Amino acid sequence: MDIKRLKSFIVIVDSGSITRAADILHLAQPALSQQLAALEEHFGQKLLIRSQQGVSMTDAGHAVYRHAQIILRQMEQAQADASAAGNSLAGRVSVGLVPFSSAAMLSAELLAETRKRHPGILLHLTESVGQTYSQMIMNGRLEMALIHGIGPIKGVKFEPILSEEFHLVAPLDFSIEADTKPLPLSALDGVPLLLPPSYNFVRRAIETAFTRSKINLRVVAEVEVVRTLARAVSSGLGATIMPKAIADRIVTESNEPLVCRVVSPRIEETLSLCTSDQNALSEPALAVRDILVELTERLKQ
């Protein structure tokens, strides 16, 4: 098996098009198509379906894609281990940190601590609202992720680490008084809210709480970037409900005074460390995992 064919296959899938993949790989399209044909002949299965919209994987293609990710990572790790034999840990480790959570606050610290303790490790961080991290772990694109939820999901295992309590953040002119007491959700009936999209765990937790309390949830905008959300709240465009770490960040970074209060009934989500239940973590990945767990534990203090 030519490893280059596996690399090419991954690029074709990730780019969604043989034409785009050929540009990325600096190959002629016929040559790349020949590599794909050779790969399909090797496995005796059609791996991709071509259409005017691009390419999509068959069931066999999904299986080959997942194993290709694992094989290439193992090859990279073998190269790193050979180069660093007798020295410190080395290799590439991919980590997903779910946005709109305490996890998103750890990225800089995780980079700094990993660099400090294991300078030979190349850390690849992903923070994206639109990608399903559990799926990325199953297909080998990520080795671990901090995500909301406790599972179960076949193919991955969850290790609950932190319970995140949600707080309301609102401009002063929304007539919500600053107080240490929990704010009843009923006080937010019809209040304009800025929230993540509906497929986000934070949004779903908020929708569930409002539905159970029979309160009108008025979402005036869906925002996928915390910095934009913070500016919008500071500008008085709406209030938001976020896990405490994000709420604190919005208040700290705002140029305008804001009200931050916990709500009642309590809204919370569990932050879990998610890894594959089929593939063991490499030594560099285990080292990064330990740092990630350590940093997350500090958030409880």
C-alpha atoms as a PDB file:
ATOM      1  CA  MET A   1       0.000   0.000   0.000  1.00  0.00           C
ATOM      2  CA  ASP A   2       1.361   3.398  -1.041  1.00  0.00           C
ATOM      3  CA  ILE A   3       0.965   5.830   1.873  1.00  0.00           C
ATOM      4  CA  LYS A   4       0.713   8.704  -0.615  1.00  0.00           C
ATOM      5  CA  ARG A   5      -2.554   7.267  -1.911  1.00  0.00           C
ATOM      6  CA  LEU A   6      -4.026   7.350   1.593  1.00  0.00           C
ATOM      7  CA  LYS A   7      -2.886  10.962   2.042  1.00  0.00           C
ATOM      8  CA  SER A   8      -4.433  11.879  -1.305  1.00  0.00           C
ATOM      9  CA  PHE A   9      -7.685  10.143  -0.362  1.00  0.00           C
ATOM     10  CA  ILE A  10      -7.912  12.156   2.870  1.00  0.00           C
ATOM     11  CA  VAL A  11      -7.304  15.422   1.020  1.00  0.00           C
ATOM     12  CA  ILE A  12      -9.995  14.560  -1.554  1.00  0.00           C
ATOM     13  CA  VAL A  13     -12.530  13.869   1.204  1.00  0.00           C
ATOM     14  CA  ASP A  14     -11.605  16.928   3.282  1.00  0.00           C
ATOM     15  CA  SER A  15     -11.674  19.282   0.302  1.00  0.00           C
ATOM     16  CA  GLY A  16     -14.854  17.740  -1.092  1.00  0.00           C
ATOM     17  CA  SER A  17     -13.604  17.707  -4.670  1.00  0.00           C
ATOM     18  CA  ILE A  18     -10.972  15.948  -6.764  1.00  0.00           C
ATOM     19  CA  THR A  19     -10.300  19.207  -8.597  1.00  0.00           C
ATOM     20  CA  ARG A  20      -9.670  21.145  -5.362  1.00  0.00           C
ATOM     21  CA  ALA A  21      -7.606  18.267  -3.962  1.00  0.00           C
ATOM     22  CA  ALA A  22      -5.433  18.246  -7.092  1.00  0.00           C
ATOM     23  CA  ASP A  23      -4.732  21.961  -6.605  1.00  0.00           C
ATOM     24  CA  ILE A  24      -3.868  21.452  -2.936  1.00  0.00           C
ATOM     25  CA  LEU A  25      -1.578  18.506  -3.675  1.00  0.00           C
ATOM     26  CA  HIS A  26      -0.066  20.190  -6.767  1.00  0.00           C
ATOM     27  CA  LEU A  27      -0.980  17.173  -8.886  1.00  0.00           C
ATOM     28  CA  ALA A  28      -2.629  16.870 -12.275  1.00  0.00           C
ATOM     29  CA  GLN A  29      -6.263  15.819 -11.874  1.00  0.00           C
ATOM     30  CA  PRO A  30      -5.867  12.676 -14.052  1.00  0.00           C
ATOM     31  CA  ALA A  31      -2.949  11.553 -11.867  1.00  0.00           C
ATOM     32  CA  LEU A  32      -5.005  12.028  -8.704  1.00  0.00           C
ATOM     33  CA  SER A  33      -7.939  10.169 -10.255  1.00  0.00           C
ATOM     34  CA  GLN A  34      -5.565   7.295 -11.046  1.00  0.00           C
ATOM     35  CA  GLN A  35      -4.436   7.199  -7.391  1.00  0.00           C
ATOM     36  CA  LEU A  36      -8.079   7.006  -6.297  1.00  0.00           C
ATOM     37  CA  ALA A  37      -8.792   4.256  -8.827  1.00  0.00           C
ATOM     38  CA  ALA A  38      -5.775   2.274  -7.601  1.00  0.00           C
ATOM     39  CA  LEU A  39      -6.975   2.647  -4.008  1.00  0.00           C
ATOM     40  CA  GLU A  40     -10.460   1.438  -4.898  1.00  0.00           C
ATOM     41  CA  GLU A  41      -8.957  -1.494  -6.802  1.00  0.00           C
ATOM     42  CA  HIS A  42      -6.812  -2.382  -3.780  1.00  0.00           C
ATOM     43  CA  PHE A  43      -9.858  -2.523  -1.472  1.00  0.00           C
ATOM     44  CA  GLY A  44     -12.178  -3.949  -4.107  1.00  0.00           C
ATOM     45  CA  GLN A  45     -14.780  -1.328  -3.199  1.00  0.00           C
ATOM     46  CA  LYS A  46     -16.017   1.983  -4.536  1.00  0.00           C
ATOM     47  CA  LEU A  47     -14.895   4.573  -1.983  1.00  0.00           C
ATOM     48  CA  LEU A  48     -16.284   7.817  -3.362  1.00  0.00           C
ATOM     49  CA  ILE A  49     -19.370   8.892  -5.284  1.00  0.00           C
ATOM     50  CA  ARG A  50     -18.815  11.782  -7.677  1.00  0.00           C
ATOM     51  CA  SER A  51     -21.462  14.382  -8.483  1.00  0.00           C
ATOM     52  CA  GLN A  52     -21.688  17.964  -9.694  1.00  0.00           C
ATOM     53  CA  GLN A  53     -21.575  19.042  -6.040  1.00  0.00           C
ATOM     54  CA  GLY A  54     -18.290  17.197  -5.432  1.00  0.00           C
ATOM     55  CA  VAL A  55     -17.584  13.839  -3.814  1.00  0.00           C
ATOM     56  CA  SER A  56     -19.207  11.894  -0.983  1.00  0.00           C
ATOM     57  CA  MET A  57     -17.992   8.754   0.773  1.00  0.00           C
ATOM     58  CA  THR A  58     -19.585   5.352   0.489  1.00  0.00           C
ATOM     59  CA  ASP A  59     -19.766   3.142   3.601  1.00  0.00           C
ATOM     60  CA  ALA A  60     -16.484   1.559   2.499  1.00  0.00           C
ATOM     61  CA  GLY A  61     -15.052   5.049   1.998  1.00  0.00           C
ATOM     62  CA  HIS A  62     -15.930   6.002   5.576  1.00  0.00           C
ATOM     63  CA  ALA A  63     -14.122   2.916   6.874  1.00  0.00           C
ATOM     64  CA  VAL A  64     -11.003   3.556   4.766  1.00  0.00           C
ATOM     65  CA  TYR A  65     -10.992   7.265   5.728  1.00  0.00           C
ATOM     66  CA  ARG A  66     -11.026   6.409   9.446  1.00  0.00           C
ATOM     67  CA  HIS A  67      -8.237   3.853   9.138  1.00  0.00           C
ATOM     68  CA  ALA A  68      -6.219   6.153   6.860  1.00  0.00           C
ATOM     69  CA  GLN A  69      -6.255   8.850   9.544  1.00  0.00           C
ATOM     70  CA  ILE A  70      -5.042   6.348  12.130  1.00  0.00           C
ATOM     71  CA  ILE A  71      -2.363   4.864   9.852  1.00  0.00           C
ATOM     72  CA  LEU A  72      -0.948   8.261   8.891  1.00  0.00           C
ATOM     73  CA  ARG A  73      -0.911   9.438  12.508  1.00  0.00           C
ATOM     74  CA  GLN A  74       0.920   6.254  13.486  1.00  0.00           C
ATOM     75  CA  MET A  75       3.432   6.823  10.694  1.00  0.00           C
ATOM     76  CA  GLU A  76       3.977  10.406  11.866  1.00  0.00           C
ATOM     77  CA  GLN A  77       4.368   9.186  15.429  1.00  0.00           C
ATOM     78  CA  ALA A  78       6.849   6.511  14.342  1.00  0.00           C
ATOM     79  CA  GLN A  79       8.904   9.177  12.579  1.00  0.00           C
ATOM     80  CA  ALA A  80       8.751  11.440  15.640  1.00  0.00           C
ATOM     81  CA  ASP A  81       9.689   8.607  18.000  1.00  0.00           C
ATOM     82  CA  ALA A  82      12.612   7.615  15.820  1.00  0.00           C
ATOM     83  CA  SER A  83      13.844  11.203  15.604  1.00  0.00           C
ATOM     84  CA  ALA A  84      13.468  11.769  19.346  1.00  0.00           C
ATOM     85  CA  ALA A  85      14.712   8.352  20.469  1.00  0.00           C
ATOM     86  CA  GLY A  86      16.252   8.696  23.907  1.00  0.00           C
ATOM     87  CA  ASN A  87      15.026  12.271  24.242  1.00  0.00           C
ATOM     88  CA  SER A  88      11.741  13.930  25.217  1.00  0.00           C
ATOM     89  CA  LEU A  89       8.269  13.126  23.927  1.00  0.00           C
ATOM     90  CA  ALA A  90       7.574  14.218  20.357  1.00  0.00           C
ATOM     91  CA  GLY A  91       4.768  13.990  17.828  1.00  0.00           C
ATOM     92  CA  ARG A  92       1.540  15.646  16.701  1.00  0.00           C
ATOM     93  CA  VAL A  93      -1.490  15.658  18.998  1.00  0.00           C
ATOM     94  CA  SER A  94      -4.907  16.926  17.867  1.00  0.00           C
ATOM     95  CA  VAL A  95      -7.346  18.331  20.441  1.00  0.00           C
ATOM     96  CA  GLY A  96     -10.842  19.767  20.061  1.00  0.00           C
ATOM     97  CA  LEU A  97     -12.078  22.431  22.508  1.00  0.00           C
ATOM     98  CA  VAL A  98     -15.779  23.137  22.224  1.00  0.00           C
ATOM     99  CA  PRO A  99     -16.616  26.868  21.945  1.00  0.00           C
ATOM    100  CA  PHE A 100     -19.036  28.570  24.364  1.00  0.00           C
ATOM    101  CA  SER A 101     -17.600  26.596  27.280  1.00  0.00           C
ATOM    102  CA  SER A 102     -14.810  26.655  29.828  1.00  0.00           C
ATOM    103  CA  ALA A 103     -12.871  24.500  27.374  1.00  0.00           C
ATOM    104  CA  ALA A 104     -12.519  27.459  25.029  1.00  0.00           C
ATOM    105  CA  MET A 105     -10.788  29.384  27.822  1.00  0.00           C
ATOM    106  CA  LEU A 106      -8.042  26.765  28.093  1.00  0.00           C
ATOM    107  CA  SER A 107      -6.537  26.953  24.604  1.00  0.00           C
ATOM    108  CA  ALA A 108      -3.735  29.430  25.365  1.00  0.00           C
ATOM    109  CA  GLU A 109      -2.853  27.721  28.660  1.00  0.00           C
ATOM    110  CA  LEU A 110      -2.849  24.297  27.020  1.00  0.00           C
ATOM    111  CA  LEU A 111      -0.492  25.547  24.323  1.00  0.00           C
ATOM    112  CA  ALA A 112       1.798  27.201  26.861  1.00  0.00           C
ATOM    113  CA  GLU A 113       1.939  24.234  29.260  1.00  0.00           C
ATOM    114  CA  THR A 114       2.470  21.705  26.492  1.00  0.00           C
ATOM    115  CA  ARG A 115       5.241  23.824  25.012  1.00  0.00           C
ATOM    116  CA  LYS A 116       6.835  24.224  28.432  1.00  0.00           C
ATOM    117  CA  ARG A 117       6.720  20.572  29.485  1.00  0.00           C
ATOM    118  CA  HIS A 118       7.004  18.813  26.123  1.00  0.00           C
ATOM    119  CA  PRO A 119       8.527  21.128  23.496  1.00  0.00           C
ATOM    120  CA  GLY A 120       8.764  18.232  21.032  1.00  0.00           C
ATOM    121  CA  ILE A 121       4.970  17.861  20.849  1.00  0.00           C
ATOM    122  CA  LEU A 122       3.209  19.657  18.000  1.00  0.00           C
ATOM    123  CA  LEU A 123      -0.219  20.584  19.350  1.00  0.00           C
ATOM    124  CA  HIS A 124      -3.074  20.992  16.877  1.00  0.00           C
ATOM    125  CA  LEU A 125      -6.106  22.767  18.395  1.00  0.00           C
ATOM    126  CA  THR A 126      -9.573  22.939  16.884  1.00  0.00           C
ATOM    127  CA  GLU A 127     -12.342  25.265  18.097  1.00  0.00           C
ATOM    128  CA  SER A 128     -15.390  25.102  15.848  1.00  0.00           C
ATOM    129  CA  VAL A 129     -19.122  25.331  16.428  1.00  0.00           C
ATOM    130  CA  GLY A 130     -20.000  23.639  13.161  1.00  0.00           C
ATOM    131  CA  GLN A 131     -18.067  20.384  13.572  1.00  0.00           C
ATOM    132  CA  THR A 132     -19.119  17.330  15.568  1.00  0.00           C
ATOM    133  CA  TYR A 133     -16.076  16.498  17.675  1.00  0.00           C
ATOM    134  CA  SER A 134     -17.276  13.013  18.638  1.00  0.00           C
ATOM    135  CA  GLN A 135     -17.520  12.161  14.917  1.00  0.00           C
ATOM    136  CA  MET A 136     -14.051  13.614  14.317  1.00  0.00           C
ATOM    137  CA  ILE A 137     -12.678  11.349  17.067  1.00  0.00           C
ATOM    138  CA  MET A 138     -14.397   8.315  15.575  1.00  0.00           C
ATOM    139  CA  ASN A 139     -12.956   8.967  12.116  1.00  0.00           C
ATOM    140  CA  GLY A 140      -9.485   9.668  13.486  1.00  0.00           C
ATOM    141  CA  ARG A 141      -9.269  13.416  12.803  1.00  0.00           C
ATOM    142  CA  LEU A 142      -9.062  14.206  16.539  1.00  0.00           C
ATOM    143  CA  GLU A 143      -7.474  12.243  19.354  1.00  0.00           C
ATOM    144  CA  MET A 144      -9.406  13.920  22.165  1.00  0.00           C
ATOM    145  CA  ALA A 145     -11.833  16.731  22.805  1.00  0.00           C
ATOM    146  CA  LEU A 146     -13.483  18.614  25.642  1.00  0.00           C
ATOM    147  CA  ILE A 147     -17.165  18.650  24.755  1.00  0.00           C
ATOM    148  CA  HIS A 148     -20.571  19.082  26.376  1.00  0.00           C
ATOM    149  CA  GLY A 149     -22.496  15.941  27.262  1.00  0.00           C
ATOM    150  CA  ILE A 150     -21.886  12.578  28.875  1.00  0.00           C
ATOM    151  CA  GLY A 151     -22.840  10.255  26.009  1.00  0.00           C
ATOM    152  CA  PRO A 152     -23.289   7.451  25.366  1.00  0.00           C
ATOM    153  CA  ILE A 153     -22.086   7.517  21.780  1.00  0.00           C
ATOM    154  CA  LYS A 154     -20.829   4.322  20.155  1.00  0.00           C
ATOM    155  CA  GLY A 155     -17.169   4.578  19.231  1.00  0.00           C
ATOM    156  CA  VAL A 156     -16.180   7.149  21.866  1.00  0.00           C
ATOM    157  CA  LYS A 157     -15.964   7.266  25.640  1.00  0.00           C
ATOM    158  CA  PHE A 158     -16.824  10.174  27.921  1.00  0.00           C
ATOM    159  CA  GLU A 159     -15.042  11.174  31.122  1.00  0.00           C
ATOM    160  CA  PRO A 160     -17.117  13.847  32.924  1.00  0.00           C
ATOM    161  CA  ILE A 161     -14.783  16.515  34.310  1.00  0.00           C
ATOM    162  CA  LEU A 162     -16.682  19.703  35.069  1.00  0.00           C
ATOM    163  CA  SER A 163     -20.250  20.885  35.584  1.00  0.00           C
ATOM    164  CA  GLU A 164     -20.774  24.333  34.088  1.00  0.00           C
ATOM    165  CA  GLU A 165     -23.452  26.599  35.586  1.00  0.00           C
ATOM    166  CA  PHE A 166     -24.988  29.138  33.214  1.00  0.00           C
ATOM    167  CA  HIS A 167     -25.241  32.889  33.925  1.00  0.00           C
ATOM    168  CA  LEU A 168     -27.265  35.678  32.374  1.00  0.00           C
ATOM    169  CA  VAL A 169     -25.263  38.648  31.049  1.00  0.00           C
ATOM    170  CA  ALA A 170     -27.309  41.752  30.244  1.00  0.00           C
ATOM    171  CA  PRO A 171     -26.833  45.487  29.623  1.00  0.00           C
ATOM    172  CA  LEU A 172     -27.804  47.778  32.497  1.00  0.00           C
ATOM    173  CA  ASP A 173     -30.688  49.340  30.540  1.00  0.00           C
ATOM    174  CA  PHE A 174     -32.501  45.992  30.471  1.00  0.00           C
ATOM    175  CA  SER A 175     -33.764  46.834  33.986  1.00  0.00           C
ATOM    176  CA  ILE A 176     -32.281  43.684  35.517  1.00  0.00           C
ATOM    177  CA  GLU A 177     -30.797  44.489  38.897  1.00  0.00           C
ATOM    178  CA  ALA A 178     -27.373  43.281  39.958  1.00  0.00           C
ATOM    179  CA  ASP A 179     -27.835  40.765  42.770  1.00  0.00           C
ATOM    180  CA  THR A 180     -26.209  37.637  44.144  1.00  0.00           C
ATOM    181  CA  LYS A 181     -29.578  35.909  44.279  1.00  0.00           C
ATOM    182  CA  PRO A 182     -30.600  33.715  41.321  1.00  0.00           C
ATOM    183  CA  LEU A 183     -32.741  35.474  38.727  1.00  0.00           C
ATOM    184  CA  PRO A 184     -36.024  33.657  37.996  1.00  0.00           C
ATOM    185  CA  LEU A 185     -36.329  32.628  34.357  1.00  0.00           C
ATOM    186  CA  SER A 186     -39.761  34.210  34.382  1.00  0.00           C
ATOM    187  CA  ALA A 187     -37.997  37.601  34.457  1.00  0.00           C
ATOM    188  CA  LEU A 188     -36.575  36.789  31.022  1.00  0.00           C
ATOM    189  CA  ASP A 189     -39.921  36.115  29.326  1.00  0.00           C
ATOM    190  CA  GLY A 190     -39.662  37.921  25.977  1.00  0.00           C
ATOM    191  CA  VAL A 191     -36.247  39.465  26.725  1.00  0.00           C
ATOM    192  CA  PRO A 192     -34.185  39.670  23.479  1.00  0.00           C
ATOM    193  CA  LEU A 193     -31.422  37.078  23.657  1.00  0.00           C
ATOM    194  CA  LEU A 194     -28.270  36.478  21.621  1.00  0.00           C
ATOM    195  CA  LEU A 195     -27.433  32.763  21.568  1.00  0.00           C
ATOM    196  CA  PRO A 196     -25.462  30.139  19.620  1.00  0.00           C
ATOM    197  CA  PRO A 197     -27.231  28.222  16.804  1.00  0.00           C
ATOM    198  CA  SER A 198     -29.869  25.631  17.697  1.00  0.00           C
ATOM    199  CA  TYR A 199     -27.552  22.646  17.196  1.00  0.00           C
ATOM    200  CA  ASN A 200     -25.210  23.891  19.932  1.00  0.00           C
ATOM    201  CA  PHE A 201     -25.323  22.128  23.339  1.00  0.00           C
ATOM    202  CA  VAL A 202     -25.492  25.474  25.188  1.00  0.00           C
ATOM    203  CA  ARG A 203     -28.489  26.558  23.126  1.00  0.00           C
ATOM    204  CA  ARG A 204     -30.233  23.230  23.629  1.00  0.00           C
ATOM    205  CA  ALA A 205     -29.760  23.389  27.411  1.00  0.00           C
ATOM    206  CA  ILE A 206     -31.263  26.900  27.460  1.00  0.00           C
ATOM    207  CA  GLU A 207     -34.197  25.911  25.242  1.00  0.00           C
ATOM    208  CA  THR A 208     -34.930  22.917  27.488  1.00  0.00           C
ATOM    209  CA  ALA A 209     -34.926  25.090  30.624  1.00  0.00           C
ATOM    210  CA  PHE A 210     -37.263  27.699  29.081  1.00  0.00           C
ATOM    211  CA  THR A 211     -39.614  25.023  27.727  1.00  0.00           C
ATOM    212  CA  ARG A 212     -39.855  23.280  31.093  1.00  0.00           C
ATOM    213  CA  SER A 213     -40.575  26.589  32.814  1.00  0.00           C
ATOM    214  CA  LYS A 214     -43.067  27.539  30.064  1.00  0.00           C
ATOM    215  CA  ILE A 215     -41.201  30.790  29.451  1.00  0.00           C
ATOM    216  CA  ASN A 216     -41.099  32.520  26.063  1.00  0.00           C
ATOM    217  CA  LEU A 217     -37.551  32.272  24.652  1.00  0.00           C
ATOM    218  CA  ARG A 218     -36.994  35.232  22.346  1.00  0.00           C
ATOM    219  CA  VAL A 219     -33.848  34.748  20.266  1.00  0.00           C
ATOM    220  CA  VAL A 220     -33.109  37.843  18.173  1.00  0.00           C
ATOM    221  CA  ALA A 221     -29.777  36.657  16.728  1.00  0.00           C
ATOM    222  CA  GLU A 222     -27.617  33.535  16.524  1.00  0.00           C
ATOM    223  CA  VAL A 223     -23.903  34.190  17.018  1.00  0.00           C
ATOM    224  CA  GLU A 224     -21.089  31.642  16.633  1.00  0.00           C
ATOM    225  CA  VAL A 225     -18.175  33.843  17.775  1.00  0.00           C
ATOM    226  CA  VAL A 226     -17.736  34.725  21.462  1.00  0.00           C
ATOM    227  CA  ARG A 227     -15.997  38.025  20.690  1.00  0.00           C
ATOM    228  CA  THR A 228     -18.882  39.124  18.456  1.00  0.00           C
ATOM    229  CA  LEU A 229     -21.375  38.006  21.094  1.00  0.00           C
ATOM    230  CA  ALA A 230     -19.568  40.060  23.743  1.00  0.00           C
ATOM    231  CA  ARG A 231     -19.589  43.177  21.573  1.00  0.00           C
ATOM    232  CA  ALA A 232     -23.266  42.757  20.740  1.00  0.00           C
ATOM    233  CA  VAL A 233     -24.244  42.450  24.411  1.00  0.00           C
ATOM    234  CA  SER A 234     -22.067  45.443  25.327  1.00  0.00           C
ATOM    235  CA  SER A 235     -23.763  47.441  22.556  1.00  0.00           C
ATOM    236  CA  GLY A 236     -27.168  46.723  24.080  1.00  0.00           C
ATOM    237  CA  LEU A 237     -28.421  44.548  21.211  1.00  0.00           C
ATOM    238  CA  GLY A 238     -29.533  41.837  23.591  1.00  0.00           C
ATOM    239  CA  ALA A 239     -28.694  39.753  26.626  1.00  0.00           C
ATOM    240  CA  THR A 240     -27.166  36.277  26.610  1.00  0.00           C
ATOM    241  CA  ILE A 241     -26.988  33.174  28.773  1.00  0.00           C
ATOM    242  CA  MET A 242     -23.616  31.446  28.866  1.00  0.00           C
ATOM    243  CA  PRO A 243     -21.530  29.042  30.980  1.00  0.00           C
ATOM    244  CA  LYS A 244     -19.867  30.999  33.804  1.00  0.00           C
ATOM    245  CA  ALA A 245     -16.388  31.090  32.219  1.00  0.00           C
ATOM    246  CA  ILE A 246     -17.767  32.682  29.045  1.00  0.00           C
ATOM    247  CA  ALA A 247     -20.068  35.011  30.998  1.00  0.00           C
ATOM    248  CA  ASP A 248     -17.097  36.206  33.069  1.00  0.00           C
ATOM    249  CA  ARG A 249     -15.091  36.799  29.894  1.00  0.00           C
ATOM    250  CA  ILE A 250     -17.872  38.874  28.349  1.00  0.00           C
ATOM    251  CA  VAL A 251     -18.145  41.037  31.478  1.00  0.00           C
ATOM    252  CA  THR A 252     -14.361  41.447  31.789  1.00  0.00           C
ATOM    253  CA  GLU A 253     -13.817  42.407  28.153  1.00  0.00           C
ATOM    254  CA  SER A 254     -16.773  44.799  27.948  1.00  0.00           C
ATOM    255  CA  ASN A 255     -16.240  48.547  27.895  1.00  0.00           C
ATOM    256  CA  GLU A 256     -19.742  48.979  29.298  1.00  0.00           C
ATOM    257  CA  PRO A 257     -21.034  47.893  32.731  1.00  0.00           C
ATOM    258  CA  LEU A 258     -23.031  44.673  32.519  1.00  0.00           C
ATOM    259  CA  VAL A 259     -25.189  42.664  34.897  1.00  0.00           C
ATOM    260  CA  CYS A 260     -24.158  39.025  35.452  1.00  0.00           C
ATOM    261  CA  ARG A 261     -26.443  36.731  37.431  1.00  0.00           C
ATOM    262  CA  VAL A 262     -27.079  33.041  37.851  1.00  0.00           C
ATOM    263  CA  VAL A 263     -30.584  31.957  36.818  1.00  0.00           C
ATOM    264  CA  SER A 264     -33.212  29.774  38.453  1.00  0.00           C
ATOM    265  CA  PRO A 265     -34.121  27.020  37.762  1.00  0.00           C
ATOM    266  CA  ARG A 266     -30.437  26.287  37.378  1.00  0.00           C
ATOM    267  CA  ILE A 267     -29.154  25.664  33.850  1.00  0.00           C
ATOM    268  CA  GLU A 268     -25.995  23.597  33.547  1.00  0.00           C
ATOM    269  CA  GLU A 269     -24.088  21.282  31.246  1.00  0.00           C
ATOM    270  CA  THR A 270     -21.406  18.670  31.883  1.00  0.00           C
ATOM    271  CA  LEU A 271     -18.034  19.144  30.218  1.00  0.00           C
ATOM    272  CA  SER A 272     -16.462  15.770  29.369  1.00  0.00           C
ATOM    273  CA  LEU A 273     -13.151  14.576  27.986  1.00  0.00           C
ATOM    274  CA  CYS A 274     -13.987  12.542  24.903  1.00  0.00           C
ATOM    275  CA  THR A 275     -11.607   9.942  23.408  1.00  0.00           C
ATOM    276  CA  SER A 276     -11.883   6.918  21.134  1.00  0.00           C
ATOM    277  CA  ASP A 277     -12.935   3.671  22.788  1.00  0.00           C
ATOM    278  CA  GLN A 278     -11.166   1.692  20.053  1.00  0.00           C
ATOM    279  CA  ASN A 279      -7.757   3.318  19.625  1.00  0.00           C
ATOM    280  CA  ALA A 280      -5.348   3.849  22.507  1.00  0.00           C
ATOM    281  CA  LEU A 281      -3.772   7.273  22.910  1.00  0.00           C
ATOM    282  CA  SER A 282      -0.108   7.642  21.991  1.00  0.00           C
ATOM    283  CA  GLU A 283       2.389   8.645  24.685  1.00  0.00           C
ATOM    284  CA  PRO A 284       2.417  12.292  23.527  1.00  0.00           C
ATOM    285  CA  ALA A 285      -1.397  12.304  23.496  1.00  0.00           C
ATOM    286  CA  LEU A 286      -1.486  10.862  27.020  1.00  0.00           C
ATOM    287  CA  ALA A 287       0.850  13.643  28.155  1.00  0.00           C
ATOM    288  CA  VAL A 288      -1.414  16.291  26.605  1.00  0.00           C
ATOM    289  CA  ARG A 289      -4.461  14.613  28.145  1.00  0.00           C
ATOM    290  CA  ASP A 290      -2.904  14.876  31.603  1.00  0.00           C
ATOM    291  CA  ILE A 291      -2.238  18.591  31.100  1.00  0.00           C
ATOM    292  CA  LEU A 292      -5.769  19.156  29.801  1.00  0.00           C
ATOM    293  CA  VAL A 293      -7.338  17.388  32.798  1.00  0.00           C
ATOM    294  CA  GLU A 294      -5.093  19.345  35.179  1.00  0.00           C
ATOM    295  CA  LEU A 295      -6.075  22.688  33.643  1.00  0.00           C
ATOM    296  CA  THR A 296      -9.763  21.774  33.660  1.00  0.00           C
ATOM    297  CA  GLU A 297      -9.576  20.791  37.348  1.00  0.00           C
ATOM    298  CA  ARG A 298      -8.266  24.290  38.142  1.00  0.00           C
ATOM    299  CA  LEU A 299     -11.522  25.748  36.850  1.00  0.00           C
ATOM    300  CA  LYS A 300     -13.356  24.120  39.765  1.00  0.00           C
ATOM    301  CA  GLN A 301     -11.410  26.208  42.265  1.00  0.00           C
END
